[in-house]
Each structure stands twice: as C-alpha cells, then as structure tokens.
Amino acid sequence: PYKGGGPAAIAILSGEVSLMLGSLPTVIPHANTGKLRLIATASE
C-alpha cells in the first residue's frame, strides 16, 4: 500500500513493484511515454 494513486504509480515506475490497478488519469500519461504497459482495463 501507498498513500495515494500518485505514490503507487511512482512505486511501479521506479521498479519497487511490478503491477498496479490504477485509474486511467493516473496511468495513461506514463503508458504514453512507454514507462508503463497497460494489459487490460477493469471495466465492464
């Protein structure tokens, strides 16, 4: 656990963790730069 979606994203960007379920506003900017890979959405 981290204190918010931002710190949780920083953790995966730095390699502290390998995976996160993040809101699109949190992860899309990093996916666009290739720093994260999106494999699926959790929507219906």
PDB file of all heavy atoms in Angstrom:
ATOM      1  N   PRO A   1       0.811  -1.222   0.000  1.00  0.00           N
ATOM      2  CA  PRO A   1       0.000   0.000   0.000  1.00  0.00           C
ATOM      3  C   PRO A   1       0.844   1.272   0.000  1.00  0.00           C
ATOM      4  O   PRO A   1       1.939   1.310   0.572  1.00  0.00           O
ATOM      5  CB  PRO A   1      -0.782  -0.116   1.309  1.00  0.00           C
ATOM      6  CG  PRO A   1       0.131  -0.886   2.215  1.00  0.00           C
ATOM      7  CD  PRO A   1       0.890  -1.846   1.336  1.00  0.00           C
ATOM      8  N   TYR A   2       0.319   2.324  -0.630  1.00  0.00           N
ATOM      9  CA  TYR A   2       0.951   3.642  -0.636  1.00  0.00           C
ATOM     10  C   TYR A   2      -0.098   4.684  -0.282  1.00  0.00           C
ATOM     11  O   TYR A   2      -1.293   4.400  -0.209  1.00  0.00           O
ATOM     12  CB  TYR A   2       1.573   3.937  -2.006  1.00  0.00           C
ATOM     13  CG  TYR A   2       2.778   3.076  -2.299  1.00  0.00           C
ATOM     14  CD1 TYR A   2       2.623   1.800  -2.833  1.00  0.00           C
ATOM     15  CD2 TYR A   2       4.066   3.512  -2.010  1.00  0.00           C
ATOM     16  CE1 TYR A   2       3.724   0.988  -3.083  1.00  0.00           C
ATOM     17  CE2 TYR A   2       5.172   2.704  -2.258  1.00  0.00           C
ATOM     18  CZ  TYR A   2       4.990   1.443  -2.790  1.00  0.00           C
ATOM     19  OH  TYR A   2       6.078   0.638  -3.030  1.00  0.00           O
ATOM     20  N   LYS A   3       0.345   5.915  -0.082  1.00  0.00           N
ATOM     21  CA  LYS A   3      -0.559   6.993   0.316  1.00  0.00           C
ATOM     22  C   LYS A   3      -1.088   7.732  -0.904  1.00  0.00           C
ATOM     23  O   LYS A   3      -0.769   8.890  -1.140  1.00  0.00           O
ATOM     24  CB  LYS A   3       0.149   7.959   1.262  1.00  0.00           C
ATOM     25  CG  LYS A   3       0.480   7.350   2.613  1.00  0.00           C
ATOM     26  CD  LYS A   3       1.121   8.366   3.535  1.00  0.00           C
ATOM     27  CE  LYS A   3       1.413   7.764   4.898  1.00  0.00           C
ATOM     28  NZ  LYS A   3       2.024   8.748   5.827  1.00  0.00           N
ATOM     29  N   GLY A   4      -1.874   7.030  -1.713  1.00  0.00           N
ATOM     30  CA  GLY A   4      -2.482   7.666  -2.873  1.00  0.00           C
ATOM     31  C   GLY A   4      -2.064   7.027  -4.179  1.00  0.00           C
ATOM     32  O   GLY A   4      -1.055   6.291  -4.252  1.00  0.00           O
ATOM     33  N   GLY A   5      -2.863   7.320  -5.239  1.00  0.00           N
ATOM     34  CA  GLY A   5      -2.579   6.757  -6.547  1.00  0.00           C
ATOM     35  C   GLY A   5      -1.277   7.259  -7.139  1.00  0.00           C
ATOM     36  O   GLY A   5      -0.577   6.524  -7.845  1.00  0.00           O
ATOM     37  N   GLY A   6      -0.941   8.534  -6.866  1.00  0.00           N
ATOM     38  CA  GLY A   6       0.317   9.084  -7.369  1.00  0.00           C
ATOM     39  C   GLY A   6       1.528   8.338  -6.837  1.00  0.00           C
ATOM     40  O   GLY A   6       2.368   7.862  -7.610  1.00  0.00           O
ATOM     41  N   PRO A   7       1.669   8.211  -5.497  1.00  0.00           N
ATOM     42  CA  PRO A   7       2.785   7.444  -4.943  1.00  0.00           C
ATOM     43  C   PRO A   7       2.788   5.978  -5.383  1.00  0.00           C
ATOM     44  O   PRO A   7       3.851   5.385  -5.573  1.00  0.00           O
ATOM     45  CB  PRO A   7       2.562   7.561  -3.428  1.00  0.00           C
ATOM     46  CG  PRO A   7       1.850   8.853  -3.266  1.00  0.00           C
ATOM     47  CD  PRO A   7       0.935   8.948  -4.450  1.00  0.00           C
ATOM     48  N   ALA A   8       1.603   5.389  -5.558  1.00  0.00           N
ATOM     49  CA  ALA A   8       1.531   3.999  -6.033  1.00  0.00           C
ATOM     50  C   ALA A   8       2.086   3.892  -7.444  1.00  0.00           C
ATOM     51  O   ALA A   8       2.741   2.898  -7.796  1.00  0.00           O
ATOM     52  CB  ALA A   8       0.085   3.499  -5.989  1.00  0.00           C
ATOM     53  N   ALA A   9       1.818   4.908  -8.266  1.00  0.00           N
ATOM     54  CA  ALA A   9       2.357   4.915  -9.634  1.00  0.00           C
ATOM     55  C   ALA A   9       3.866   5.111  -9.626  1.00  0.00           C
ATOM     56  O   ALA A   9       4.600   4.480 -10.396  1.00  0.00           O
ATOM     57  CB  ALA A   9       1.684   6.013 -10.453  1.00  0.00           C
ATOM     58  N   ILE A  10       4.343   5.990  -8.740  1.00  0.00           N
ATOM     59  CA  ILE A  10       5.792   6.213  -8.635  1.00  0.00           C
ATOM     60  C   ILE A  10       6.495   4.912  -8.250  1.00  0.00           C
ATOM     61  O   ILE A  10       7.594   4.607  -8.732  1.00  0.00           O
ATOM     62  CB  ILE A  10       6.091   7.325  -7.609  1.00  0.00           C
ATOM     63  CG1 ILE A  10       5.604   8.674  -8.149  1.00  0.00           C
ATOM     64  CG2 ILE A  10       7.582   7.387  -7.280  1.00  0.00           C
ATOM     65  CD1 ILE A  10       5.664   9.803  -7.143  1.00  0.00           C
ATOM     66  N   ALA A  11       5.850   4.117  -7.405  1.00  0.00           N
ATOM     67  CA  ALA A  11       6.445   2.848  -6.971  1.00  0.00           C
ATOM     68  C   ALA A  11       6.639   1.895  -8.134  1.00  0.00           C
ATOM     69  O   ALA A  11       7.672   1.222  -8.237  1.00  0.00           O
ATOM     70  CB  ALA A  11       5.569   2.202  -5.898  1.00  0.00           C
ATOM     71  N   ILE A  12       5.669   1.830  -9.027  1.00  0.00           N
ATOM     72  CA  ILE A  12       5.807   0.925 -10.169  1.00  0.00           C
ATOM     73  C   ILE A  12       6.774   1.507 -11.206  1.00  0.00           C
ATOM     74  O   ILE A  12       7.531   0.771 -11.842  1.00  0.00           O
ATOM     75  CB  ILE A  12       4.433   0.589 -10.797  1.00  0.00           C
ATOM     76  CG1 ILE A  12       4.576  -0.513 -11.850  1.00  0.00           C
ATOM     77  CG2 ILE A  12       3.765   1.796 -11.392  1.00  0.00           C
ATOM     78  CD1 ILE A  12       3.236  -1.021 -12.374  1.00  0.00           C
ATOM     79  N   LEU A  13       6.787   2.824 -11.341  1.00  0.00           N
ATOM     80  CA  LEU A  13       7.717   3.447 -12.280  1.00  0.00           C
ATOM     81  C   LEU A  13       9.169   3.221 -11.855  1.00  0.00           C
ATOM     82  O   LEU A  13      10.051   3.043 -12.691  1.00  0.00           O
ATOM     83  CB  LEU A  13       7.440   4.952 -12.378  1.00  0.00           C
ATOM     84  CG  LEU A  13       6.125   5.358 -13.045  1.00  0.00           C
ATOM     85  CD1 LEU A  13       5.861   6.839 -12.837  1.00  0.00           C
ATOM     86  CD2 LEU A  13       6.158   5.029 -14.529  1.00  0.00           C
ATOM     87  N   SER A  14       9.413   3.214 -10.542  1.00  0.00           N
ATOM     88  CA  SER A  14      10.771   3.029 -10.032  1.00  0.00           C
ATOM     89  C   SER A  14      11.169   1.560  -9.950  1.00  0.00           C
ATOM     90  O   SER A  14      12.329   1.247  -9.682  1.00  0.00           O
ATOM     91  CB  SER A  14      10.888   3.653  -8.636  1.00  0.00           C
ATOM     92  OG  SER A  14      10.089   2.942  -7.694  1.00  0.00           O
ATOM     93  N   GLY A  15      10.198   0.666 -10.152  1.00  0.00           N
ATOM     94  CA  GLY A  15      10.504  -0.756 -10.091  1.00  0.00           C
ATOM     95  C   GLY A  15      10.377  -1.365  -8.711  1.00  0.00           C
ATOM     96  O   GLY A  15      10.719  -2.533  -8.509  1.00  0.00           O
ATOM     97  N   GLU A  16       9.856  -0.582  -7.731  1.00  0.00           N
ATOM     98  CA  GLU A  16       9.646  -1.146  -6.395  1.00  0.00           C
ATOM     99  C   GLU A  16       8.618  -2.269  -6.442  1.00  0.00           C
ATOM    100  O   GLU A  16       8.689  -3.227  -5.686  1.00  0.00           O
ATOM    101  CB  GLU A  16       9.159  -0.058  -5.430  1.00  0.00           C
ATOM    102  CG  GLU A  16      10.211   0.954  -5.046  1.00  0.00           C
ATOM    103  CD  GLU A  16       9.669   1.985  -4.065  1.00  0.00           C
ATOM    104  OE1 GLU A  16       8.625   1.717  -3.426  1.00  0.00           O
ATOM    105  OE2 GLU A  16      10.279   3.050  -3.944  1.00  0.00           O
ATOM    106  N   VAL A  17       7.620  -2.098  -7.302  1.00  0.00           N
ATOM    107  CA  VAL A  17       6.608  -3.120  -7.530  1.00  0.00           C
ATOM    108  C   VAL A  17       6.496  -3.341  -9.034  1.00  0.00           C
ATOM    109  O   VAL A  17       7.024  -2.566  -9.828  1.00  0.00           O
ATOM    110  CB  VAL A  17       5.228  -2.710  -6.941  1.00  0.00           C
ATOM    111  CG1 VAL A  17       5.317  -2.478  -5.447  1.00  0.00           C
ATOM    112  CG2 VAL A  17       4.693  -1.475  -7.645  1.00  0.00           C
ATOM    113  N   SER A  18       5.793  -4.389  -9.426  1.00  0.00           N
ATOM    114  CA  SER A  18       5.700  -4.725 -10.848  1.00  0.00           C
ATOM    115  C   SER A  18       4.329  -4.480 -11.447  1.00  0.00           C
ATOM    116  O   SER A  18       4.173  -4.525 -12.675  1.00  0.00           O
ATOM    117  CB  SER A  18       6.056  -6.208 -11.048  1.00  0.00           C
ATOM    118  OG  SER A  18       7.337  -6.479 -10.575  1.00  0.00           O
ATOM    119  N   LEU A  19       3.326  -4.230 -10.596  1.00  0.00           N
ATOM    120  CA  LEU A  19       1.953  -4.235 -11.085  1.00  0.00           C
ATOM    121  C   LEU A  19       1.119  -3.260 -10.273  1.00  0.00           C
ATOM    122  O   LEU A  19       1.362  -3.039  -9.091  1.00  0.00           O
ATOM    123  CB  LEU A  19       1.389  -5.653 -10.928  1.00  0.00           C
ATOM    124  CG  LEU A  19      -0.093  -5.922 -11.154  1.00  0.00           C
ATOM    125  CD1 LEU A  19      -0.439  -5.799 -12.627  1.00  0.00           C
ATOM    126  CD2 LEU A  19      -0.453  -7.316 -10.641  1.00  0.00           C
ATOM    127  N   MET A  20       0.128  -2.639 -10.924  1.00  0.00           N
ATOM    128  CA  MET A  20      -0.841  -1.840 -10.183  1.00  0.00           C
ATOM    129  C   MET A  20      -2.147  -1.783 -10.940  1.00  0.00           C
ATOM    130  O   MET A  20      -2.188  -1.919 -12.174  1.00  0.00           O
ATOM    131  CB  MET A  20      -0.336  -0.420  -9.917  1.00  0.00           C
ATOM    132  CG  MET A  20      -0.394   0.523 -11.110  1.00  0.00           C
ATOM    133  SD  MET A  20       0.036   2.249 -10.707  1.00  0.00           S
ATOM    134  CE  MET A  20      -1.334   2.751  -9.675  1.00  0.00           C
ATOM    135  N   LEU A  21      -3.229  -1.616 -10.205  1.00  0.00           N
ATOM    136  CA  LEU A  21      -4.531  -1.317 -10.785  1.00  0.00           C
ATOM    137  C   LEU A  21      -4.718   0.178 -10.570  1.00  0.00           C
ATOM    138  O   LEU A  21      -4.979   0.622  -9.455  1.00  0.00           O
ATOM    139  CB  LEU A  21      -5.630  -2.118 -10.082  1.00  0.00           C
ATOM    140  CG  LEU A  21      -7.004  -2.120 -10.742  1.00  0.00           C
ATOM    141  CD1 LEU A  21      -6.967  -2.798 -12.104  1.00  0.00           C
ATOM    142  CD2 LEU A  21      -8.023  -2.815  -9.840  1.00  0.00           C
ATOM    143  N   GLY A  22      -4.522   0.948 -11.634  1.00  0.00           N
ATOM    144  CA  GLY A  22      -4.544   2.397 -11.498  1.00  0.00           C
ATOM    145  C   GLY A  22      -5.642   3.027 -12.331  1.00  0.00           C
ATOM    146  O   GLY A  22      -6.011   2.501 -13.396  1.00  0.00           O
ATOM    147  N   SER A  23      -6.175   4.136 -11.862  1.00  0.00           N
ATOM    148  CA  SER A  23      -7.172   4.856 -12.652  1.00  0.00           C
ATOM    149  C   SER A  23      -6.509   5.378 -13.924  1.00  0.00           C
ATOM    150  O   SER A  23      -5.306   5.659 -13.956  1.00  0.00           O
ATOM    151  CB  SER A  23      -7.764   6.013 -11.852  1.00  0.00           C
ATOM    152  OG  SER A  23      -6.761   6.968 -11.557  1.00  0.00           O
ATOM    153  N   LEU A  24      -7.289   5.503 -14.984  1.00  0.00           N
ATOM    154  CA  LEU A  24      -6.725   5.939 -16.256  1.00  0.00           C
ATOM    155  C   LEU A  24      -6.025   7.293 -16.171  1.00  0.00           C
ATOM    156  O   LEU A  24      -4.962   7.469 -16.777  1.00  0.00           O
ATOM    157  CB  LEU A  24      -7.802   5.954 -17.344  1.00  0.00           C
ATOM    158  CG  LEU A  24      -8.370   4.584 -17.752  1.00  0.00           C
ATOM    159  CD1 LEU A  24      -9.237   4.721 -19.000  1.00  0.00           C
ATOM    160  CD2 LEU A  24      -7.269   3.557 -17.990  1.00  0.00           C
ATOM    161  N   PRO A  25      -6.587   8.281 -15.431  1.00  0.00           N
ATOM    162  CA  PRO A  25      -5.837   9.537 -15.323  1.00  0.00           C
ATOM    163  C   PRO A  25      -4.459   9.367 -14.697  1.00  0.00           C
ATOM    164  O   PRO A  25      -3.559  10.155 -14.959  1.00  0.00           O
ATOM    165  CB  PRO A  25      -6.749  10.402 -14.427  1.00  0.00           C
ATOM    166  CG  PRO A  25      -8.105   9.868 -14.648  1.00  0.00           C
ATOM    167  CD  PRO A  25      -7.918   8.387 -14.809  1.00  0.00           C
ATOM    168  N   THR A  26      -4.293   8.337 -13.873  1.00  0.00           N
ATOM    169  CA  THR A  26      -3.008   8.091 -13.230  1.00  0.00           C
ATOM    170  C   THR A  26      -2.030   7.404 -14.171  1.00  0.00           C
ATOM    171  O   THR A  26      -0.846   7.770 -14.243  1.00  0.00           O
ATOM    172  CB  THR A  26      -3.192   7.224 -11.966  1.00  0.00           C
ATOM    173  OG1 THR A  26      -4.065   7.898 -11.057  1.00  0.00           O
ATOM    174  CG2 THR A  26      -1.860   6.966 -11.272  1.00  0.00           C
ATOM    175  N   VAL A  27      -2.489   6.407 -14.927  1.00  0.00           N
ATOM    176  CA  VAL A  27      -1.563   5.557 -15.675  1.00  0.00           C
ATOM    177  C   VAL A  27      -1.382   5.939 -17.143  1.00  0.00           C
ATOM    178  O   VAL A  27      -0.333   5.645 -17.736  1.00  0.00           O
ATOM    179  CB  VAL A  27      -1.974   4.071 -15.577  1.00  0.00           C
ATOM    180  CG1 VAL A  27      -1.955   3.610 -14.120  1.00  0.00           C
ATOM    181  CG2 VAL A  27      -3.349   3.829 -16.194  1.00  0.00           C
ATOM    182  N   ILE A  28      -2.384   6.573 -17.755  1.00  0.00           N
ATOM    183  CA  ILE A  28      -2.270   6.875 -19.193  1.00  0.00           C
ATOM    184  C   ILE A  28      -1.046   7.721 -19.535  1.00  0.00           C
ATOM    185  O   ILE A  28      -0.332   7.415 -20.502  1.00  0.00           O
ATOM    186  CB  ILE A  28      -3.572   7.526 -19.717  1.00  0.00           C
ATOM    187  CG1 ILE A  28      -4.625   6.442 -19.986  1.00  0.00           C
ATOM    188  CG2 ILE A  28      -3.328   8.320 -20.992  1.00  0.00           C
ATOM    189  CD1 ILE A  28      -5.939   6.978 -20.531  1.00  0.00           C
ATOM    190  N   PRO A  29      -0.750   8.804 -18.780  1.00  0.00           N
ATOM    191  CA  PRO A  29       0.427   9.600 -19.138  1.00  0.00           C
ATOM    192  C   PRO A  29       1.718   8.788 -19.161  1.00  0.00           C
ATOM    193  O   PRO A  29       2.580   8.995 -20.028  1.00  0.00           O
ATOM    194  CB  PRO A  29       0.467  10.683 -18.048  1.00  0.00           C
ATOM    195  CG  PRO A  29      -0.946  10.799 -17.579  1.00  0.00           C
ATOM    196  CD  PRO A  29      -1.487   9.401 -17.637  1.00  0.00           C
ATOM    197  N   HIS A  30       1.853   7.854 -18.222  1.00  0.00           N
ATOM    198  CA  HIS A  30       3.067   7.028 -18.163  1.00  0.00           C
ATOM    199  C   HIS A  30       3.064   5.949 -19.248  1.00  0.00           C
ATOM    200  O   HIS A  30       4.119   5.572 -19.765  1.00  0.00           O
ATOM    201  CB  HIS A  30       3.196   6.401 -16.780  1.00  0.00           C
ATOM    202  CG  HIS A  30       3.207   7.401 -15.666  1.00  0.00           C
ATOM    203  ND1 HIS A  30       4.139   8.409 -15.574  1.00  0.00           N
ATOM    204  CD2 HIS A  30       2.362   7.569 -14.606  1.00  0.00           C
ATOM    205  CE1 HIS A  30       3.900   9.142 -14.499  1.00  0.00           C
ATOM    206  NE2 HIS A  30       2.819   8.653 -13.903  1.00  0.00           N
ATOM    207  N   ALA A  31       1.882   5.463 -19.587  1.00  0.00           N
ATOM    208  CA  ALA A  31       1.792   4.490 -20.678  1.00  0.00           C
ATOM    209  C   ALA A  31       2.139   5.150 -22.005  1.00  0.00           C
ATOM    210  O   ALA A  31       2.774   4.532 -22.878  1.00  0.00           O
ATOM    211  CB  ALA A  31       0.384   3.888 -20.731  1.00  0.00           C
ATOM    212  N   ASN A  32       1.756   6.400 -22.171  1.00  0.00           N
ATOM    213  CA  ASN A  32       2.043   7.117 -23.426  1.00  0.00           C
ATOM    214  C   ASN A  32       3.535   7.324 -23.641  1.00  0.00           C
ATOM    215  O   ASN A  32       3.991   7.445 -24.784  1.00  0.00           O
ATOM    216  CB  ASN A  32       1.331   8.478 -23.426  1.00  0.00           C
ATOM    217  CG  ASN A  32      -0.172   8.340 -23.596  1.00  0.00           C
ATOM    218  OD1 ASN A  32      -0.664   7.312 -24.057  1.00  0.00           O
ATOM    219  ND2 ASN A  32      -0.911   9.361 -23.220  1.00  0.00           N
ATOM    220  N   THR A  33       4.297   7.373 -22.557  1.00  0.00           N
ATOM    221  CA  THR A  33       5.749   7.550 -22.680  1.00  0.00           C
ATOM    222  C   THR A  33       6.501   6.224 -22.646  1.00  0.00           C
ATOM    223  O   THR A  33       7.735   6.207 -22.707  1.00  0.00           O
ATOM    224  CB  THR A  33       6.277   8.455 -21.553  1.00  0.00           C
ATOM    225  OG1 THR A  33       5.996   7.843 -20.278  1.00  0.00           O
ATOM    226  CG2 THR A  33       5.638   9.832 -21.618  1.00  0.00           C
ATOM    227  N   GLY A  34       5.755   5.111 -22.523  1.00  0.00           N
ATOM    228  CA  GLY A  34       6.387   3.797 -22.519  1.00  0.00           C
ATOM    229  C   GLY A  34       6.937   3.370 -21.177  1.00  0.00           C
ATOM    230  O   GLY A  34       7.591   2.324 -21.079  1.00  0.00           O
ATOM    231  N   LYS A  35       6.662   4.153 -20.131  1.00  0.00           N
ATOM    232  CA  LYS A  35       7.180   3.808 -18.810  1.00  0.00           C
ATOM    233  C   LYS A  35       6.331   2.753 -18.110  1.00  0.00           C
ATOM    234  O   LYS A  35       6.764   2.131 -17.142  1.00  0.00           O
ATOM    235  CB  LYS A  35       7.283   5.062 -17.944  1.00  0.00           C
ATOM    236  CG  LYS A  35       8.316   6.062 -18.465  1.00  0.00           C
ATOM    237  CD  LYS A  35       8.361   7.310 -17.594  1.00  0.00           C
ATOM    238  CE  LYS A  35       9.377   8.302 -18.126  1.00  0.00           C
ATOM    239  NZ  LYS A  35       9.409   9.545 -17.321  1.00  0.00           N
ATOM    240  N   LEU A  36       5.086   2.584 -18.594  1.00  0.00           N
ATOM    241  CA  LEU A  36       4.213   1.523 -18.110  1.00  0.00           C
ATOM    242  C   LEU A  36       3.603   0.816 -19.305  1.00  0.00           C
ATOM    243  O   LEU A  36       3.467   1.401 -20.384  1.00  0.00           O
ATOM    244  CB  LEU A  36       3.080   2.089 -17.241  1.00  0.00           C
ATOM    245  CG  LEU A  36       3.423   2.665 -15.867  1.00  0.00           C
ATOM    246  CD1 LEU A  36       2.161   3.169 -15.192  1.00  0.00           C
ATOM    247  CD2 LEU A  36       4.127   1.643 -15.000  1.00  0.00           C
ATOM    248  N   ARG A  37       3.206  -0.432 -19.104  1.00  0.00           N
ATOM    249  CA  ARG A  37       2.494  -1.183 -20.142  1.00  0.00           C
ATOM    250  C   ARG A  37       1.103  -1.523 -19.609  1.00  0.00           C
ATOM    251  O   ARG A  37       0.976  -2.101 -18.527  1.00  0.00           O
ATOM    252  CB  ARG A  37       3.240  -2.464 -20.491  1.00  0.00           C
ATOM    253  CG  ARG A  37       2.549  -3.282 -21.613  1.00  0.00           C
ATOM    254  CD  ARG A  37       3.219  -4.644 -21.809  1.00  0.00           C
ATOM    255  NE  ARG A  37       4.632  -4.493 -22.070  1.00  0.00           N
ATOM    256  CZ  ARG A  37       5.593  -5.154 -21.422  1.00  0.00           C
ATOM    257  NH1 ARG A  37       5.273  -6.013 -20.459  1.00  0.00           N
ATOM    258  NH2 ARG A  37       6.858  -4.962 -21.719  1.00  0.00           N
ATOM    259  N   LEU A  38       0.083  -1.147 -20.359  1.00  0.00           N
ATOM    260  CA  LEU A  38      -1.283  -1.464 -19.970  1.00  0.00           C
ATOM    261  C   LEU A  38      -1.694  -2.763 -20.645  1.00  0.00           C
ATOM    262  O   LEU A  38      -1.568  -2.900 -21.867  1.00  0.00           O
ATOM    263  CB  LEU A  38      -2.235  -0.337 -20.381  1.00  0.00           C
ATOM    264  CG  LEU A  38      -1.881   1.072 -19.887  1.00  0.00           C
ATOM    265  CD1 LEU A  38      -2.977   2.059 -20.285  1.00  0.00           C
ATOM    266  CD2 LEU A  38      -1.651   1.096 -18.380  1.00  0.00           C
ATOM    267  N   ILE A  39      -2.197  -3.723 -19.847  1.00  0.00           N
ATOM    268  CA  ILE A  39      -2.565  -5.013 -20.440  1.00  0.00           C
ATOM    269  C   ILE A  39      -4.075  -5.216 -20.502  1.00  0.00           C
ATOM    270  O   ILE A  39      -4.548  -6.053 -21.260  1.00  0.00           O
ATOM    271  CB  ILE A  39      -1.887  -6.194 -19.701  1.00  0.00           C
ATOM    272  CG1 ILE A  39      -2.366  -6.278 -18.247  1.00  0.00           C
ATOM    273  CG2 ILE A  39      -0.368  -6.055 -19.764  1.00  0.00           C
ATOM    274  CD1 ILE A  39      -1.874  -7.542 -17.534  1.00  0.00           C
ATOM    275  N   ALA A  40      -4.832  -4.435 -19.705  1.00  0.00           N
ATOM    276  CA  ALA A  40      -6.288  -4.567 -19.734  1.00  0.00           C
ATOM    277  C   ALA A  40      -6.902  -3.481 -18.872  1.00  0.00           C
ATOM    278  O   ALA A  40      -6.237  -2.914 -17.996  1.00  0.00           O
ATOM    279  CB  ALA A  40      -6.728  -5.939 -19.217  1.00  0.00           C
ATOM    280  N   THR A  41      -8.163  -3.184 -19.128  1.00  0.00           N
ATOM    281  CA  THR A  41      -8.913  -2.330 -18.214  1.00  0.00           C
ATOM    282  C   THR A  41      -9.778  -3.223 -17.331  1.00  0.00           C
ATOM    283  O   THR A  41     -10.035  -4.381 -17.661  1.00  0.00           O
ATOM    284  CB  THR A  41      -9.822  -1.342 -18.960  1.00  0.00           C
ATOM    285  OG1 THR A  41     -10.794  -2.069 -19.724  1.00  0.00           O
ATOM    286  CG2 THR A  41      -9.004  -0.441 -19.883  1.00  0.00           C
ATOM    287  N   ALA A  42     -10.214  -2.658 -16.209  1.00  0.00           N
ATOM    288  CA  ALA A  42     -11.039  -3.440 -15.280  1.00  0.00           C
ATOM    289  C   ALA A  42     -12.510  -3.058 -15.386  1.00  0.00           C
ATOM    290  O   ALA A  42     -13.292  -3.358 -14.487  1.00  0.00           O
ATOM    291  CB  ALA A  42     -10.542  -3.234 -13.855  1.00  0.00           C
ATOM    292  N   SER A  43     -12.885  -2.427 -16.485  1.00  0.00           N
ATOM    293  CA  SER A  43     -14.270  -2.004 -16.685  1.00  0.00           C
ATOM    294  C   SER A  43     -15.120  -3.155 -17.216  1.00  0.00           C
ATOM    295  O   SER A  43     -14.607  -4.182 -17.662  1.00  0.00           O
ATOM    296  CB  SER A  43     -14.318  -0.827 -17.663  1.00  0.00           C
ATOM    297  OG  SER A  43     -13.560  -1.113 -18.821  1.00  0.00           O
ATOM    298  N   GLU A  44     -16.431  -2.954 -17.175  1.00  0.00           N
ATOM    299  CA  GLU A  44     -17.338  -3.981 -17.679  1.00  0.00           C
ATOM    300  C   GLU A  44     -17.238  -4.097 -19.191  1.00  0.00           C
ATOM    301  O   GLU A  44     -17.258  -5.189 -19.753  1.00  0.00           O
ATOM    302  CB  GLU A  44     -18.775  -3.654 -17.277  1.00  0.00           C
ATOM    303  CG  GLU A  44     -19.777  -4.738 -17.643  1.00  0.00           C
ATOM    304  CD  GLU A  44     -21.161  -4.452 -17.099  1.00  0.00           C
ATOM    305  OE1 GLU A  44     -21.359  -3.384 -16.501  1.00  0.00           O
ATOM    306  OE2 GLU A  44     -22.035  -5.320 -17.253  1.00  0.00           O
TER     307      GLU A  44
END
